[in-house]
Amino acid sequence: MAVRVQVNAEVCMGIGQCEMLEPDVFELDDDGIAHVAEGATVTEERAQELIARCPSGAITIASP
């Protein structure tokens, strides 16, 4: 099942782990904060992995 993820900009530390793991889904903006590409989805399993690997805990699964 495909899910959308989101990044809490107030929590993101801009380390770039998410962008390294899923460059088609995440980008760091000019301020170094991650954001999700419009319409990007990942499997629920991959989303859980991304959440677990985010050092700042800024990634969550978006509400439908």
N, C-alpha and C. Protein backbone atom coordinates (compact mmCIF):
# COMPACT_ATOMS: atom_id res chain seq x y z
N MET A 1 0.84 -1.18 0.00
CA MET A 1 0.00 0.00 0.00
C MET A 1 0.89 1.25 0.00
N ALA A 2 0.59 2.18 -0.87
CA ALA A 2 1.36 3.42 -0.96
C ALA A 2 0.82 4.43 0.05
N VAL A 3 1.75 5.12 0.71
CA VAL A 3 1.39 6.16 1.67
C VAL A 3 2.20 7.41 1.36
N ARG A 4 1.68 8.54 1.84
CA ARG A 4 2.41 9.79 1.73
C ARG A 4 3.11 10.04 3.05
N VAL A 5 4.30 10.56 2.99
CA VAL A 5 5.02 10.95 4.19
C VAL A 5 5.08 12.48 4.24
N GLN A 6 5.34 13.00 5.43
CA GLN A 6 5.48 14.44 5.58
C GLN A 6 6.64 14.72 6.51
N VAL A 7 7.15 15.95 6.42
CA VAL A 7 8.27 16.38 7.25
C VAL A 7 7.82 17.56 8.10
N ASN A 8 8.04 17.48 9.39
CA ASN A 8 7.77 18.60 10.29
C ASN A 8 8.98 19.53 10.20
N ALA A 9 8.81 20.67 9.53
CA ALA A 9 9.90 21.61 9.29
C ALA A 9 10.46 22.19 10.58
N GLU A 10 9.65 22.26 11.62
CA GLU A 10 10.11 22.81 12.90
C GLU A 10 11.02 21.83 13.64
N VAL A 11 10.95 20.56 13.28
CA VAL A 11 11.74 19.53 13.95
C VAL A 11 12.95 19.13 13.10
N CYS A 12 12.85 19.24 11.78
CA CYS A 12 13.91 18.81 10.87
C CYS A 12 15.22 19.53 11.15
N MET A 13 16.31 18.75 11.26
CA MET A 13 17.64 19.32 11.49
C MET A 13 18.44 19.45 10.20
N GLY A 14 17.88 19.01 9.06
CA GLY A 14 18.54 19.18 7.77
C GLY A 14 19.75 18.31 7.56
N ILE A 15 19.79 17.16 8.16
CA ILE A 15 20.93 16.26 8.03
C ILE A 15 20.99 15.64 6.63
N GLY A 16 19.84 15.40 6.02
CA GLY A 16 19.80 14.89 4.65
C GLY A 16 19.74 13.39 4.54
N GLN A 17 19.57 12.69 5.64
CA GLN A 17 19.46 11.22 5.61
C GLN A 17 18.30 10.80 4.71
N CYS A 18 17.17 11.48 4.83
CA CYS A 18 15.99 11.13 4.03
C CYS A 18 16.26 11.31 2.54
N GLU A 19 16.91 12.41 2.19
CA GLU A 19 17.22 12.67 0.78
C GLU A 19 18.18 11.62 0.23
N MET A 20 19.11 11.19 1.05
CA MET A 20 20.04 10.16 0.63
C MET A 20 19.31 8.82 0.40
N LEU A 21 18.36 8.51 1.28
CA LEU A 21 17.64 7.24 1.19
C LEU A 21 16.58 7.23 0.09
N GLU A 22 15.92 8.36 -0.13
CA GLU A 22 14.83 8.46 -1.13
C GLU A 22 14.93 9.79 -1.88
N PRO A 23 15.90 9.93 -2.78
CA PRO A 23 16.10 11.20 -3.48
C PRO A 23 14.93 11.62 -4.37
N ASP A 24 14.08 10.69 -4.77
CA ASP A 24 12.91 11.05 -5.58
C ASP A 24 11.75 11.54 -4.72
N VAL A 25 11.87 11.36 -3.41
CA VAL A 25 10.79 11.73 -2.49
C VAL A 25 11.14 12.99 -1.70
N PHE A 26 12.39 13.10 -1.24
CA PHE A 26 12.79 14.20 -0.37
C PHE A 26 13.82 15.10 -1.03
N GLU A 27 13.73 16.39 -0.70
CA GLU A 27 14.74 17.38 -1.11
C GLU A 27 14.98 18.31 0.05
N LEU A 28 16.20 18.82 0.17
CA LEU A 28 16.49 19.85 1.15
C LEU A 28 16.34 21.20 0.47
N ASP A 29 15.62 22.12 1.10
CA ASP A 29 15.44 23.44 0.51
C ASP A 29 16.66 24.31 0.80
N ASP A 30 16.62 25.56 0.40
CA ASP A 30 17.77 26.46 0.57
C ASP A 30 18.14 26.68 2.03
N ASP A 31 17.18 26.48 2.93
CA ASP A 31 17.44 26.62 4.37
C ASP A 31 17.94 25.32 4.99
N GLY A 32 18.06 24.26 4.18
CA GLY A 32 18.52 22.99 4.69
C GLY A 32 17.44 22.14 5.32
N ILE A 33 16.19 22.51 5.14
CA ILE A 33 15.07 21.76 5.69
C ILE A 33 14.50 20.85 4.62
N ALA A 34 14.21 19.61 4.99
CA ALA A 34 13.67 18.64 4.04
C ALA A 34 12.21 18.93 3.74
N HIS A 35 11.83 18.65 2.50
CA HIS A 35 10.42 18.67 2.14
C HIS A 35 10.16 17.52 1.18
N VAL A 36 8.90 17.15 1.05
CA VAL A 36 8.50 16.01 0.23
C VAL A 36 8.04 16.52 -1.13
N ALA A 37 8.48 15.85 -2.19
CA ALA A 37 8.06 16.21 -3.54
C ALA A 37 6.55 16.00 -3.67
N GLU A 38 5.91 16.90 -4.37
CA GLU A 38 4.46 16.84 -4.55
C GLU A 38 4.04 15.51 -5.18
N GLY A 39 3.10 14.86 -4.56
CA GLY A 39 2.57 13.59 -5.08
C GLY A 39 3.42 12.37 -4.80
N ALA A 40 4.55 12.54 -4.13
CA ALA A 40 5.44 11.41 -3.86
C ALA A 40 4.84 10.47 -2.83
N THR A 41 4.97 9.17 -3.09
CA THR A 41 4.52 8.15 -2.15
C THR A 41 5.60 7.08 -2.01
N VAL A 42 5.50 6.33 -0.94
CA VAL A 42 6.37 5.18 -0.69
C VAL A 42 5.49 4.07 -0.12
N THR A 43 6.01 2.86 -0.08
CA THR A 43 5.26 1.80 0.56
C THR A 43 5.19 2.06 2.06
N GLU A 44 4.21 1.51 2.71
CA GLU A 44 4.09 1.71 4.16
C GLU A 44 5.32 1.16 4.88
N GLU A 45 5.84 0.04 4.40
CA GLU A 45 7.05 -0.54 5.00
C GLU A 45 8.23 0.41 4.86
N ARG A 46 8.39 1.01 3.68
CA ARG A 46 9.49 1.95 3.46
C ARG A 46 9.29 3.20 4.31
N ALA A 47 8.05 3.66 4.44
CA ALA A 47 7.77 4.83 5.27
C ALA A 47 8.19 4.57 6.71
N GLN A 48 7.90 3.40 7.22
CA GLN A 48 8.29 3.06 8.59
C GLN A 48 9.81 3.06 8.74
N GLU A 49 10.50 2.58 7.72
CA GLU A 49 11.97 2.59 7.74
C GLU A 49 12.51 4.02 7.73
N LEU A 50 11.94 4.87 6.88
CA LEU A 50 12.37 6.27 6.82
C LEU A 50 12.12 6.98 8.15
N ILE A 51 10.98 6.73 8.76
CA ILE A 51 10.66 7.31 10.06
C ILE A 51 11.69 6.89 11.09
N ALA A 52 12.03 5.61 11.10
CA ALA A 52 12.99 5.08 12.08
C ALA A 52 14.39 5.63 11.86
N ARG A 53 14.75 5.95 10.62
CA ARG A 53 16.10 6.38 10.31
C ARG A 53 16.29 7.89 10.33
N CYS A 54 15.22 8.65 10.53
CA CYS A 54 15.33 10.11 10.60
C CYS A 54 15.91 10.50 11.96
N PRO A 55 17.11 11.08 11.99
CA PRO A 55 17.76 11.42 13.26
C PRO A 55 16.97 12.41 14.12
N SER A 56 16.18 13.28 13.49
CA SER A 56 15.44 14.27 14.26
C SER A 56 14.00 13.86 14.56
N GLY A 57 13.55 12.76 13.97
CA GLY A 57 12.18 12.32 14.18
C GLY A 57 11.16 13.20 13.49
N ALA A 58 11.56 13.83 12.39
CA ALA A 58 10.69 14.80 11.71
C ALA A 58 9.75 14.17 10.68
N ILE A 59 9.95 12.91 10.33
CA ILE A 59 9.14 12.27 9.28
C ILE A 59 8.00 11.50 9.92
N THR A 60 6.81 11.68 9.36
CA THR A 60 5.63 10.92 9.78
C THR A 60 4.84 10.53 8.54
N ILE A 61 3.91 9.61 8.73
CA ILE A 61 2.98 9.26 7.65
C ILE A 61 1.87 10.29 7.66
N ALA A 62 1.59 10.85 6.48
CA ALA A 62 0.56 11.88 6.37
C ALA A 62 -0.82 11.26 6.50
N SER A 63 -1.73 11.99 7.10
CA SER A 63 -3.13 11.55 7.20
C SER A 63 -3.73 11.52 5.81
N PRO A 64 -4.60 10.54 5.56
CA PRO A 64 -5.22 10.44 4.22
C PRO A 64 -6.10 11.61 3.88
